[in-house]
Amino acid sequence: MHVRSPVTRSSMTHFSYMIVDSKAFLKSDIPAIFSHIKASGYEGVEMNITSELLRHLDRIEQCLQANGLVAPSFLTGAAYEDGLCLSSPDEEIRHRTVERLKSYLPIGKRFN
């Protein structure tokens, strides 16, 4: 029998905004976007992990904190653009996909 621990409102993000197009997002005014997201009632921002986004994690972290937002999750679908897929019939592609996902674990830890 699986029993879930109760989650209090203070430890759970209820509404988050999803940013899928990392390239356009990174070319924009990130502090203004996060401010608008917060003013719209969102508590978090989900972003698609791309190589471009990885180069801006410090700035993103600062902007999240400045606006009282969290990153409840990161999207990993951009890996398909690199030919990676967990359900590929090619064992080497599956292995590279798992390695890529494992490389994202420190990012998850950094952003809780």
PDB file of N, CA and C in Angstrom:
ATOM      1  N   MET A   1       0.840  -1.176   0.000  1.00  0.00           N
ATOM      2  CA  MET A   1       0.000   0.000   0.000  1.00  0.00           C
ATOM      3  C   MET A   1       0.888   1.242   0.000  1.00  0.00           C
ATOM      4  N   HIS A   2       0.624   2.134  -0.907  1.00  0.00           N
ATOM      5  CA  HIS A   2       1.387   3.371  -1.013  1.00  0.00           C
ATOM      6  C   HIS A   2       0.637   4.472  -0.281  1.00  0.00           C
ATOM      7  N   VAL A   3       1.334   5.146   0.624  1.00  0.00           N
ATOM      8  CA  VAL A   3       0.726   6.230   1.381  1.00  0.00           C
ATOM      9  C   VAL A   3       1.470   7.512   1.064  1.00  0.00           C
ATOM     10  N   ARG A   4       0.745   8.525   0.668  1.00  0.00           N
ATOM     11  CA  ARG A   4       1.361   9.808   0.362  1.00  0.00           C
ATOM     12  C   ARG A   4       1.411  10.678   1.611  1.00  0.00           C
ATOM     13  N   SER A   5       2.506  11.424   1.717  1.00  0.00           N
ATOM     14  CA  SER A   5       2.607  12.390   2.805  1.00  0.00           C
ATOM     15  C   SER A   5       1.769  13.600   2.449  1.00  0.00           C
ATOM     16  N   PRO A   6       1.131  14.189   3.452  1.00  0.00           N
ATOM     17  CA  PRO A   6       0.351  15.396   3.155  1.00  0.00           C
ATOM     18  C   PRO A   6       1.264  16.537   2.716  1.00  0.00           C
ATOM     19  N   VAL A   7       0.795  17.319   1.770  1.00  0.00           N
ATOM     20  CA  VAL A   7       1.550  18.468   1.276  1.00  0.00           C
ATOM     21  C   VAL A   7       0.808  19.726   1.677  1.00  0.00           C
ATOM     22  N   THR A   8       1.506  20.612   2.350  1.00  0.00           N
ATOM     23  CA  THR A   8       0.871  21.862   2.753  1.00  0.00           C
ATOM     24  C   THR A   8       0.967  22.873   1.632  1.00  0.00           C
ATOM     25  N   ARG A   9       0.074  23.836   1.632  1.00  0.00           N
ATOM     26  CA  ARG A   9       0.063  24.862   0.591  1.00  0.00           C
ATOM     27  C   ARG A   9       1.384  25.597   0.519  1.00  0.00           C
ATOM     28  N   SER A  10       2.037  25.824   1.634  1.00  0.00           N
ATOM     29  CA  SER A  10       3.273  26.603   1.625  1.00  0.00           C
ATOM     30  C   SER A  10       4.412  25.887   0.908  1.00  0.00           C
ATOM     31  N   SER A  11       4.361  24.571   0.763  1.00  0.00           N
ATOM     32  CA  SER A  11       5.453  23.851   0.121  1.00  0.00           C
ATOM     33  C   SER A  11       5.097  23.380  -1.283  1.00  0.00           C
ATOM     34  N   MET A  12       3.983  23.826  -1.807  1.00  0.00           N
ATOM     35  CA  MET A  12       3.541  23.332  -3.104  1.00  0.00           C
ATOM     36  C   MET A  12       3.215  24.503  -4.027  1.00  0.00           C
ATOM     37  N   THR A  13       3.717  24.438  -5.236  1.00  0.00           N
ATOM     38  CA  THR A  13       3.393  25.446  -6.222  1.00  0.00           C
ATOM     39  C   THR A  13       2.100  25.042  -6.905  1.00  0.00           C
ATOM     40  N   HIS A  14       1.128  25.939  -6.897  1.00  0.00           N
ATOM     41  CA  HIS A  14      -0.182  25.606  -7.449  1.00  0.00           C
ATOM     42  C   HIS A  14      -0.363  26.073  -8.889  1.00  0.00           C
ATOM     43  N   PHE A  15       0.242  27.193  -9.225  1.00  0.00           N
ATOM     44  CA  PHE A  15       0.090  27.726 -10.576  1.00  0.00           C
ATOM     45  C   PHE A  15       1.457  28.114 -11.105  1.00  0.00           C
ATOM     46  N   SER A  16       1.830  27.530 -12.222  1.00  0.00           N
ATOM     47  CA  SER A  16       3.100  27.906 -12.839  1.00  0.00           C
ATOM     48  C   SER A  16       2.885  28.159 -14.319  1.00  0.00           C
ATOM     49  N   TYR A  17       3.695  29.057 -14.831  1.00  0.00           N
ATOM     50  CA  TYR A  17       3.632  29.450 -16.227  1.00  0.00           C
ATOM     51  C   TYR A  17       4.704  28.674 -16.982  1.00  0.00           C
ATOM     52  N   MET A  18       4.368  28.141 -18.130  1.00  0.00           N
ATOM     53  CA  MET A  18       5.288  27.330 -18.903  1.00  0.00           C
ATOM     54  C   MET A  18       5.873  28.132 -20.067  1.00  0.00           C
ATOM     55  N   ILE A  19       7.197  28.228 -20.099  1.00  0.00           N
ATOM     56  CA  ILE A  19       7.901  28.876 -21.206  1.00  0.00           C
ATOM     57  C   ILE A  19       8.543  27.770 -22.034  1.00  0.00           C
ATOM     58  N   VAL A  20       8.070  27.586 -23.236  1.00  0.00           N
ATOM     59  CA  VAL A  20       8.563  26.505 -24.085  1.00  0.00           C
ATOM     60  C   VAL A  20       9.643  27.004 -25.041  1.00  0.00           C
ATOM     61  N   ASP A  21       9.476  28.196 -25.591  1.00  0.00           N
ATOM     62  CA  ASP A  21      10.424  28.731 -26.568  1.00  0.00           C
ATOM     63  C   ASP A  21      11.561  29.455 -25.844  1.00  0.00           C
ATOM     64  N   SER A  22      12.587  28.708 -25.459  1.00  0.00           N
ATOM     65  CA  SER A  22      13.704  29.276 -24.705  1.00  0.00           C
ATOM     66  C   SER A  22      14.470  30.329 -25.497  1.00  0.00           C
ATOM     67  N   LYS A  23      14.592  30.144 -26.811  1.00  0.00           N
ATOM     68  CA  LYS A  23      15.349  31.102 -27.627  1.00  0.00           C
ATOM     69  C   LYS A  23      14.706  32.487 -27.587  1.00  0.00           C
ATOM     70  N   ALA A  24      13.419  32.560 -27.815  1.00  0.00           N
ATOM     71  CA  ALA A  24      12.719  33.850 -27.788  1.00  0.00           C
ATOM     72  C   ALA A  24      12.723  34.428 -26.375  1.00  0.00           C
ATOM     73  N   PHE A  25      12.529  33.574 -25.384  1.00  0.00           N
ATOM     74  CA  PHE A  25      12.517  34.003 -23.986  1.00  0.00           C
ATOM     75  C   PHE A  25      13.842  34.656 -23.605  1.00  0.00           C
ATOM     76  N   LEU A  26      14.958  34.039 -23.984  1.00  0.00           N
ATOM     77  CA  LEU A  26      16.270  34.551 -23.604  1.00  0.00           C
ATOM     78  C   LEU A  26      16.633  35.850 -24.323  1.00  0.00           C
ATOM     79  N   LYS A  27      15.982  36.132 -25.448  1.00  0.00           N
ATOM     80  CA  LYS A  27      16.217  37.376 -26.182  1.00  0.00           C
ATOM     81  C   LYS A  27      15.369  38.523 -25.646  1.00  0.00           C
ATOM     82  N   SER A  28      14.470  38.221 -24.720  1.00  0.00           N
ATOM     83  CA  SER A  28      13.537  39.222 -24.212  1.00  0.00           C
ATOM     84  C   SER A  28      14.019  39.784 -22.877  1.00  0.00           C
ATOM     85  N   ASP A  29      13.212  40.632 -22.300  1.00  0.00           N
ATOM     86  CA  ASP A  29      13.496  41.252 -20.998  1.00  0.00           C
ATOM     87  C   ASP A  29      13.006  40.304 -19.903  1.00  0.00           C
ATOM     88  N   ILE A  30      13.889  39.427 -19.451  1.00  0.00           N
ATOM     89  CA  ILE A  30      13.510  38.382 -18.495  1.00  0.00           C
ATOM     90  C   ILE A  30      12.944  38.959 -17.200  1.00  0.00           C
ATOM     91  N   PRO A  31      13.582  39.987 -16.600  1.00  0.00           N
ATOM     92  CA  PRO A  31      12.986  40.534 -15.372  1.00  0.00           C
ATOM     93  C   PRO A  31      11.555  41.038 -15.583  1.00  0.00           C
ATOM     94  N   ALA A  32      11.296  41.676 -16.716  1.00  0.00           N
ATOM     95  CA  ALA A  32       9.948  42.176 -16.995  1.00  0.00           C
ATOM     96  C   ALA A  32       8.968  41.022 -17.196  1.00  0.00           C
ATOM     97  N   ILE A  33       9.407  39.971 -17.865  1.00  0.00           N
ATOM     98  CA  ILE A  33       8.536  38.806 -18.078  1.00  0.00           C
ATOM     99  C   ILE A  33       8.192  38.158 -16.740  1.00  0.00           C
ATOM    100  N   PHE A  34       9.188  37.950 -15.893  1.00  0.00           N
ATOM    101  CA  PHE A  34       8.928  37.327 -14.592  1.00  0.00           C
ATOM    102  C   PHE A  34       8.047  38.218 -13.724  1.00  0.00           C
ATOM    103  N   SER A  35       8.251  39.515 -13.792  1.00  0.00           N
ATOM    104  CA  SER A  35       7.400  40.446 -13.042  1.00  0.00           C
ATOM    105  C   SER A  35       5.947  40.331 -13.493  1.00  0.00           C
ATOM    106  N   HIS A  36       5.742  40.262 -14.804  1.00  0.00           N
ATOM    107  CA  HIS A  36       4.397  40.129 -15.360  1.00  0.00           C
ATOM    108  C   HIS A  36       3.771  38.778 -14.957  1.00  0.00           C
ATOM    109  N   ILE A  37       4.569  37.724 -14.996  1.00  0.00           N
ATOM    110  CA  ILE A  37       4.083  36.402 -14.605  1.00  0.00           C
ATOM    111  C   ILE A  37       3.623  36.428 -13.152  1.00  0.00           C
ATOM    112  N   LYS A  38       4.422  37.027 -12.281  1.00  0.00           N
ATOM    113  CA  LYS A  38       4.062  37.131 -10.860  1.00  0.00           C
ATOM    114  C   LYS A  38       2.795  37.969 -10.682  1.00  0.00           C
ATOM    115  N   ALA A  39       2.735  39.115 -11.367  1.00  0.00           N
ATOM    116  CA  ALA A  39       1.566  39.995 -11.267  1.00  0.00           C
ATOM    117  C   ALA A  39       0.299  39.314 -11.779  1.00  0.00           C
ATOM    118  N   SER A  40       0.450  38.329 -12.657  1.00  0.00           N
ATOM    119  CA  SER A  40      -0.697  37.601 -13.205  1.00  0.00           C
ATOM    120  C   SER A  40      -1.174  36.489 -12.284  1.00  0.00           C
ATOM    121  N   GLY A  41      -0.507  36.319 -11.143  1.00  0.00           N
ATOM    122  CA  GLY A  41      -0.959  35.349 -10.159  1.00  0.00           C
ATOM    123  C   GLY A  41      -0.241  34.011 -10.175  1.00  0.00           C
ATOM    124  N   TYR A  42       0.752  33.871 -11.007  1.00  0.00           N
ATOM    125  CA  TYR A  42       1.505  32.619 -11.038  1.00  0.00           C
ATOM    126  C   TYR A  42       2.519  32.587  -9.900  1.00  0.00           C
ATOM    127  N   GLU A  43       2.842  31.374  -9.456  1.00  0.00           N
ATOM    128  CA  GLU A  43       3.809  31.192  -8.377  1.00  0.00           C
ATOM    129  C   GLU A  43       5.132  30.629  -8.876  1.00  0.00           C
ATOM    130  N   GLY A  44       5.140  30.123 -10.097  1.00  0.00           N
ATOM    131  CA  GLY A  44       6.350  29.520 -10.630  1.00  0.00           C
ATOM    132  C   GLY A  44       6.435  29.641 -12.133  1.00  0.00           C
ATOM    133  N   VAL A  45       7.620  29.310 -12.640  1.00  0.00           N
ATOM    134  CA  VAL A  45       7.880  29.354 -14.077  1.00  0.00           C
ATOM    135  C   VAL A  45       8.578  28.055 -14.466  1.00  0.00           C
ATOM    136  N   GLU A  46       8.016  27.355 -15.442  1.00  0.00           N
ATOM    137  CA  GLU A  46       8.621  26.148 -15.984  1.00  0.00           C
ATOM    138  C   GLU A  46       9.276  26.508 -17.301  1.00  0.00           C
ATOM    139  N   MET A  47      10.512  26.057 -17.494  1.00  0.00           N
ATOM    140  CA  MET A  47      11.262  26.409 -18.700  1.00  0.00           C
ATOM    141  C   MET A  47      11.814  25.168 -19.375  1.00  0.00           C
ATOM    142  N   ASN A  48      11.915  25.236 -20.693  1.00  0.00           N
ATOM    143  CA  ASN A  48      12.453  24.148 -21.488  1.00  0.00           C
ATOM    144  C   ASN A  48      13.979  24.220 -21.427  1.00  0.00           C
ATOM    145  N   ILE A  49      14.615  23.144 -21.004  1.00  0.00           N
ATOM    146  CA  ILE A  49      16.074  23.125 -20.922  1.00  0.00           C
ATOM    147  C   ILE A  49      16.653  23.001 -22.328  1.00  0.00           C
ATOM    148  N   THR A  50      17.435  23.996 -22.684  1.00  0.00           N
ATOM    149  CA  THR A  50      18.176  23.998 -23.943  1.00  0.00           C
ATOM    150  C   THR A  50      19.604  24.406 -23.617  1.00  0.00           C
ATOM    151  N   SER A  51      20.512  24.224 -24.555  1.00  0.00           N
ATOM    152  CA  SER A  51      21.897  24.638 -24.313  1.00  0.00           C
ATOM    153  C   SER A  51      21.969  26.141 -24.060  1.00  0.00           C
ATOM    154  N   GLU A  52      21.107  26.915 -24.732  1.00  0.00           N
ATOM    155  CA  GLU A  52      21.087  28.364 -24.517  1.00  0.00           C
ATOM    156  C   GLU A  52      20.640  28.697 -23.095  1.00  0.00           C
ATOM    157  N   LEU A  53      19.600  28.023 -22.626  1.00  0.00           N
ATOM    158  CA  LEU A  53      19.084  28.281 -21.285  1.00  0.00           C
ATOM    159  C   LEU A  53      20.138  27.950 -20.225  1.00  0.00           C
ATOM    160  N   LEU A  54      20.878  26.883 -20.432  1.00  0.00           N
ATOM    161  CA  LEU A  54      21.894  26.474 -19.465  1.00  0.00           C
ATOM    162  C   LEU A  54      22.943  27.560 -19.241  1.00  0.00           C
ATOM    163  N   ARG A  55      23.203  28.364 -20.249  1.00  0.00           N
ATOM    164  CA  ARG A  55      24.190  29.445 -20.124  1.00  0.00           C
ATOM    165  C   ARG A  55      23.659  30.639 -19.335  1.00  0.00           C
ATOM    166  N   HIS A  56      22.374  30.652 -19.019  1.00  0.00           N
ATOM    167  CA  HIS A  56      21.756  31.801 -18.358  1.00  0.00           C
ATOM    168  C   HIS A  56      21.142  31.447 -16.998  1.00  0.00           C
ATOM    169  N   LEU A  57      21.532  30.344 -16.417  1.00  0.00           N
ATOM    170  CA  LEU A  57      20.912  29.896 -15.170  1.00  0.00           C
ATOM    171  C   LEU A  57      21.101  30.890 -14.021  1.00  0.00           C
ATOM    172  N   ASP A  58      22.267  31.538 -13.945  1.00  0.00           N
ATOM    173  CA  ASP A  58      22.482  32.513 -12.871  1.00  0.00           C
ATOM    174  C   ASP A  58      21.488  33.664 -12.975  1.00  0.00           C
ATOM    175  N   ARG A  59      21.340  34.200 -14.179  1.00  0.00           N
ATOM    176  CA  ARG A  59      20.412  35.322 -14.387  1.00  0.00           C
ATOM    177  C   ARG A  59      18.964  34.890 -14.127  1.00  0.00           C
ATOM    178  N   ILE A  60      18.609  33.707 -14.581  1.00  0.00           N
ATOM    179  CA  ILE A  60      17.256  33.197 -14.365  1.00  0.00           C
ATOM    180  C   ILE A  60      16.990  33.026 -12.872  1.00  0.00           C
ATOM    181  N   GLU A  61      17.950  32.453 -12.171  1.00  0.00           N
ATOM    182  CA  GLU A  61      17.793  32.256 -10.729  1.00  0.00           C
ATOM    183  C   GLU A  61      17.601  33.596 -10.013  1.00  0.00           C
ATOM    184  N   GLN A  62      18.384  34.591 -10.374  1.00  0.00           N
ATOM    185  CA  GLN A  62      18.259  35.917  -9.765  1.00  0.00           C
ATOM    186  C   GLN A  62      16.888  36.530 -10.041  1.00  0.00           C
ATOM    187  N   CYS A  63      16.417  36.403 -11.265  1.00  0.00           N
ATOM    188  CA  CYS A  63      15.114  36.977 -11.630  1.00  0.00           C
ATOM    189  C   CYS A  63      13.965  36.250 -10.940  1.00  0.00           C
ATOM    190  N   LEU A  64      14.075  34.939 -10.804  1.00  0.00           N
ATOM    191  CA  LEU A  64      13.052  34.189 -10.073  1.00  0.00           C
ATOM    192  C   LEU A  64      12.981  34.674  -8.634  1.00  0.00           C
ATOM    193  N   GLN A  65      14.135  34.746  -7.982  1.00  0.00           N
ATOM    194  CA  GLN A  65      14.181  35.169  -6.582  1.00  0.00           C
ATOM    195  C   GLN A  65      13.682  36.596  -6.408  1.00  0.00           C
ATOM    196  N   ALA A  66      14.053  37.481  -7.320  1.00  0.00           N
ATOM    197  CA  ALA A  66      13.640  38.884  -7.223  1.00  0.00           C
ATOM    198  C   ALA A  66      12.129  39.044  -7.310  1.00  0.00           C
ATOM    199  N   ASN A  67      11.472  38.092  -7.961  1.00  0.00           N
ATOM    200  CA  ASN A  67      10.021  38.167  -8.138  1.00  0.00           C
ATOM    201  C   ASN A  67       9.256  37.192  -7.250  1.00  0.00           C
ATOM    202  N   GLY A  68       9.961  36.515  -6.355  1.00  0.00           N
ATOM    203  CA  GLY A  68       9.286  35.572  -5.460  1.00  0.00           C
ATOM    204  C   GLY A  68       8.692  34.388  -6.189  1.00  0.00           C
ATOM    205  N   LEU A  69       9.340  33.971  -7.273  1.00  0.00           N
ATOM    206  CA  LEU A  69       8.878  32.833  -8.070  1.00  0.00           C
ATOM    207  C   LEU A  69       9.808  31.639  -7.858  1.00  0.00           C
ATOM    208  N   VAL A  70       9.321  30.464  -8.196  1.00  0.00           N
ATOM    209  CA  VAL A  70      10.127  29.246  -8.154  1.00  0.00           C
ATOM    210  C   VAL A  70      10.094  28.596  -9.536  1.00  0.00           C
ATOM    211  N   ALA A  71      11.005  27.657  -9.740  1.00  0.00           N
ATOM    212  CA  ALA A  71      10.998  26.830 -10.952  1.00  0.00           C
ATOM    213  C   ALA A  71      10.583  25.430 -10.507  1.00  0.00           C
ATOM    214  N   PRO A  72       9.269  25.121 -10.519  1.00  0.00           N
ATOM    215  CA  PRO A  72       8.813  23.827 -10.010  1.00  0.00           C
ATOM    216  C   PRO A  72       9.231  22.650 -10.875  1.00  0.00           C
ATOM    217  N   SER A  73       9.557  22.920 -12.139  1.00  0.00           N
ATOM    218  CA  SER A  73      10.036  21.851 -13.016  1.00  0.00           C
ATOM    219  C   SER A  73      10.727  22.462 -14.220  1.00  0.00           C
ATOM    220  N   PHE A  74      11.528  21.643 -14.852  1.00  0.00           N
ATOM    221  CA  PHE A  74      12.153  22.015 -16.117  1.00  0.00           C
ATOM    222  C   PHE A  74      11.683  21.017 -17.163  1.00  0.00           C
ATOM    223  N   LEU A  75      11.435  21.503 -18.346  1.00  0.00           N
ATOM    224  CA  LEU A  75      10.956  20.673 -19.441  1.00  0.00           C
ATOM    225  C   LEU A  75      12.160  20.112 -20.194  1.00  0.00           C
ATOM    226  N   THR A  76      12.094  18.869 -20.600  1.00  0.00           N
ATOM    227  CA  THR A  76      13.243  18.227 -21.242  1.00  0.00           C
ATOM    228  C   THR A  76      12.984  17.853 -22.702  1.00  0.00           C
ATOM    229  N   GLY A  77      11.842  18.244 -23.233  1.00  0.00           N
ATOM    230  CA  GLY A  77      11.472  17.855 -24.595  1.00  0.00           C
ATOM    231  C   GLY A  77      12.387  18.385 -25.678  1.00  0.00           C
ATOM    232  N   ALA A  78      13.151  19.438 -25.388  1.00  0.00           N
ATOM    233  CA  ALA A  78      14.060  19.979 -26.399  1.00  0.00           C
ATOM    234  C   ALA A  78      15.131  18.970 -26.792  1.00  0.00           C
ATOM    235  N   ALA A  79      15.331  17.950 -25.982  1.00  0.00           N
ATOM    236  CA  ALA A  79      16.313  16.916 -26.315  1.00  0.00           C
ATOM    237  C   ALA A  79      15.946  16.190 -27.605  1.00  0.00           C
ATOM    238  N   TYR A  80      14.653  16.186 -27.952  1.00  0.00           N
ATOM    239  CA  TYR A  80      14.241  15.559 -29.218  1.00  0.00           C
ATOM    240  C   TYR A  80      14.880  16.252 -30.403  1.00  0.00           C
ATOM    241  N   GLU A  81      15.106  17.573 -30.292  1.00  0.00           N
ATOM    242  CA  GLU A  81      15.758  18.315 -31.378  1.00  0.00           C
ATOM    243  C   GLU A  81      17.183  17.832 -31.601  1.00  0.00           C
ATOM    244  N   ASP A  82      17.785  17.235 -30.581  1.00  0.00           N
ATOM    245  CA  ASP A  82      19.132  16.679 -30.689  1.00  0.00           C
ATOM    246  C   ASP A  82      19.105  15.201 -31.054  1.00  0.00           C
ATOM    247  N   GLY A  83      17.923  14.688 -31.377  1.00  0.00           N
ATOM    248  CA  GLY A  83      17.798  13.292 -31.781  1.00  0.00           C
ATOM    249  C   GLY A  83      17.698  12.324 -30.615  1.00  0.00           C
ATOM    250  N   LEU A  84      17.485  12.835 -29.406  1.00  0.00           N
ATOM    251  CA  LEU A  84      17.410  11.972 -28.229  1.00  0.00           C
ATOM    252  C   LEU A  84      15.966  11.586 -27.944  1.00  0.00           C
ATOM    253  N   CYS A  85      15.776  10.336 -27.505  1.00  0.00           N
ATOM    254  CA  CYS A  85      14.433   9.840 -27.233  1.00  0.00           C
ATOM    255  C   CYS A  85      14.533   8.576 -26.390  1.00  0.00           C
ATOM    256  N   LEU A  86      13.799   8.563 -25.266  1.00  0.00           N
ATOM    257  CA  LEU A  86      13.824   7.398 -24.384  1.00  0.00           C
ATOM    258  C   LEU A  86      13.222   6.150 -25.027  1.00  0.00           C
ATOM    259  N   SER A  87      12.339   6.330 -25.990  1.00  0.00           N
ATOM    260  CA  SER A  87      11.687   5.168 -26.603  1.00  0.00           C
ATOM    261  C   SER A  87      12.258   4.833 -27.977  1.00  0.00           C
ATOM    262  N   SER A  88      13.450   5.331 -28.274  1.00  0.00           N
ATOM    263  CA  SER A  88      14.085   5.006 -29.554  1.00  0.00           C
ATOM    264  C   SER A  88      14.399   3.515 -29.633  1.00  0.00           C
ATOM    265  N   PRO A  89      14.264   2.918 -30.818  1.00  0.00           N
ATOM    266  CA  PRO A  89      14.653   1.516 -30.960  1.00  0.00           C
ATOM    267  C   PRO A  89      16.178   1.341 -30.897  1.00  0.00           C
ATOM    268  N   ASP A  90      16.918   2.442 -31.036  1.00  0.00           N
ATOM    269  CA  ASP A  90      18.375   2.416 -31.022  1.00  0.00           C
ATOM    270  C   ASP A  90      18.886   2.509 -29.576  1.00  0.00           C
ATOM    271  N   GLU A  91      19.559   1.475 -29.129  1.00  0.00           N
ATOM    272  CA  GLU A  91      20.038   1.425 -27.741  1.00  0.00           C
ATOM    273  C   GLU A  91      20.990   2.575 -27.418  1.00  0.00           C
ATOM    274  N   GLU A  92      21.840   2.934 -28.356  1.00  0.00           N
ATOM    275  CA  GLU A  92      22.794   4.030 -28.124  1.00  0.00           C
ATOM    276  C   GLU A  92      22.061   5.363 -27.918  1.00  0.00           C
ATOM    277  N   ILE A  93      21.017   5.609 -28.675  1.00  0.00           N
ATOM    278  CA  ILE A  93      20.225   6.839 -28.501  1.00  0.00           C
ATOM    279  C   ILE A  93      19.557   6.837 -27.134  1.00  0.00           C
ATOM    280  N   ARG A  94      18.996   5.707 -26.728  1.00  0.00           N
ATOM    281  CA  ARG A  94      18.381   5.627 -25.401  1.00  0.00           C
ATOM    282  C   ARG A  94      19.417   5.897 -24.311  1.00  0.00           C
ATOM    283  N   HIS A  95      20.600   5.333 -24.470  1.00  0.00           N
ATOM    284  CA  HIS A  95      21.669   5.539 -23.486  1.00  0.00           C
ATOM    285  C   HIS A  95      22.057   7.018 -23.418  1.00  0.00           C
ATOM    286  N   ARG A  96      22.240   7.655 -24.554  1.00  0.00           N
ATOM    287  CA  ARG A  96      22.593   9.089 -24.573  1.00  0.00           C
ATOM    288  C   ARG A  96      21.477   9.932 -23.970  1.00  0.00           C
ATOM    289  N   THR A  97      20.240   9.522 -24.188  1.00  0.00           N
ATOM    290  CA  THR A  97      19.103  10.245 -23.617  1.00  0.00           C
ATOM    291  C   THR A  97      19.123  10.164 -22.097  1.00  0.00           C
ATOM    292  N   VAL A  98      19.349   8.982 -21.571  1.00  0.00           N
ATOM    293  CA  VAL A  98      19.420   8.808 -20.121  1.00  0.00           C
ATOM    294  C   VAL A  98      20.567   9.636 -19.550  1.00  0.00           C
ATOM    295  N   GLU A  99      21.704   9.634 -20.225  1.00  0.00           N
ATOM    296  CA  GLU A  99      22.842  10.420 -19.751  1.00  0.00           C
ATOM    297  C   GLU A  99      22.516  11.913 -19.756  1.00  0.00           C
ATOM    298  N   ARG A 100      21.819  12.364 -20.768  1.00  0.00           N
ATOM    299  CA  ARG A 100      21.425  13.778 -20.828  1.00  0.00           C
ATOM    300  C   ARG A 100      20.505  14.108 -19.653  1.00  0.00           C
ATOM    301  N   LEU A 101      19.514  13.258 -19.422  1.00  0.00           N
ATOM    302  CA  LEU A 101      18.593  13.496 -18.313  1.00  0.00           C
ATOM    303  C   LEU A 101      19.335  13.497 -16.976  1.00  0.00           C
ATOM    304  N   LYS A 102      20.276  12.595 -16.814  1.00  0.00           N
ATOM    305  CA  LYS A 102      21.059  12.561 -15.577  1.00  0.00           C
ATOM    306  C   LYS A 102      21.887  13.838 -15.421  1.00  0.00           C
ATOM    307  N   SER A 103      22.333  14.404 -16.520  1.00  0.00           N
ATOM    308  CA  SER A 103      23.127  15.636 -16.443  1.00  0.00           C
ATOM    309  C   SER A 103      22.291  16.815 -15.950  1.00  0.00           C
ATOM    310  N   TYR A 104      20.969  16.697 -16.031  1.00  0.00           N
ATOM    311  CA  TYR A 104      20.079  17.770 -15.569  1.00  0.00           C
ATOM    312  C   TYR A 104      19.817  17.702 -14.059  1.00  0.00           C
ATOM    313  N   LEU A 105      20.177  16.621 -13.410  1.00  0.00           N
ATOM    314  CA  LEU A 105      19.892  16.471 -11.979  1.00  0.00           C
ATOM    315  C   LEU A 105      20.463  17.602 -11.126  1.00  0.00           C
ATOM    316  N   PRO A 106      21.699  18.070 -11.359  1.00  0.00           N
ATOM    317  CA  PRO A 106      22.200  19.188 -10.556  1.00  0.00           C
ATOM    318  C   PRO A 106      21.374  20.463 -10.726  1.00  0.00           C
ATOM    319  N   ILE A 107      20.780  20.640 -11.882  1.00  0.00           N
ATOM    320  CA  ILE A 107      19.928  21.813 -12.108  1.00  0.00           C
ATOM    321  C   ILE A 107      18.667  21.697 -11.251  1.00  0.00           C
ATOM    322  N   GLY A 108      18.083  20.517 -11.238  1.00  0.00           N
ATOM    323  CA  GLY A 108      16.922  20.290 -10.398  1.00  0.00           C
ATOM    324  C   GLY A 108      17.235  20.549  -8.932  1.00  0.00           C
ATOM    325  N   LYS A 109      18.400  20.076  -8.499  1.00  0.00           N
ATOM    326  CA  LYS A 109      18.795  20.294  -7.115  1.00  0.00           C
ATOM    327  C   LYS A 109      18.995  21.792  -6.843  1.00  0.00           C
ATOM    328  N   ARG A 110      19.659  22.462  -7.753  1.00  0.00           N
ATOM    329  CA  ARG A 110      19.918  23.905  -7.584  1.00  0.00           C
ATOM    330  C   ARG A 110      18.626  24.688  -7.396  1.00  0.00           C
ATOM    331  N   PHE A 111      17.607  24.324  -8.157  1.00  0.00           N
ATOM    332  CA  PHE A 111      16.332  25.058  -8.121  1.00  0.00           C
ATOM    333  C   PHE A 111      15.302  24.375  -7.219  1.00  0.00           C
ATOM    334  N   ASN A 112      15.752  23.417  -6.440  1.00  0.00           N
ATOM    335  CA  ASN A 112      14.881  22.678  -5.506  1.00  0.00           C
ATOM    336  C   ASN A 112      13.759  21.945  -6.207  1.00  0.00           C
TER     337      ASN A 112
END
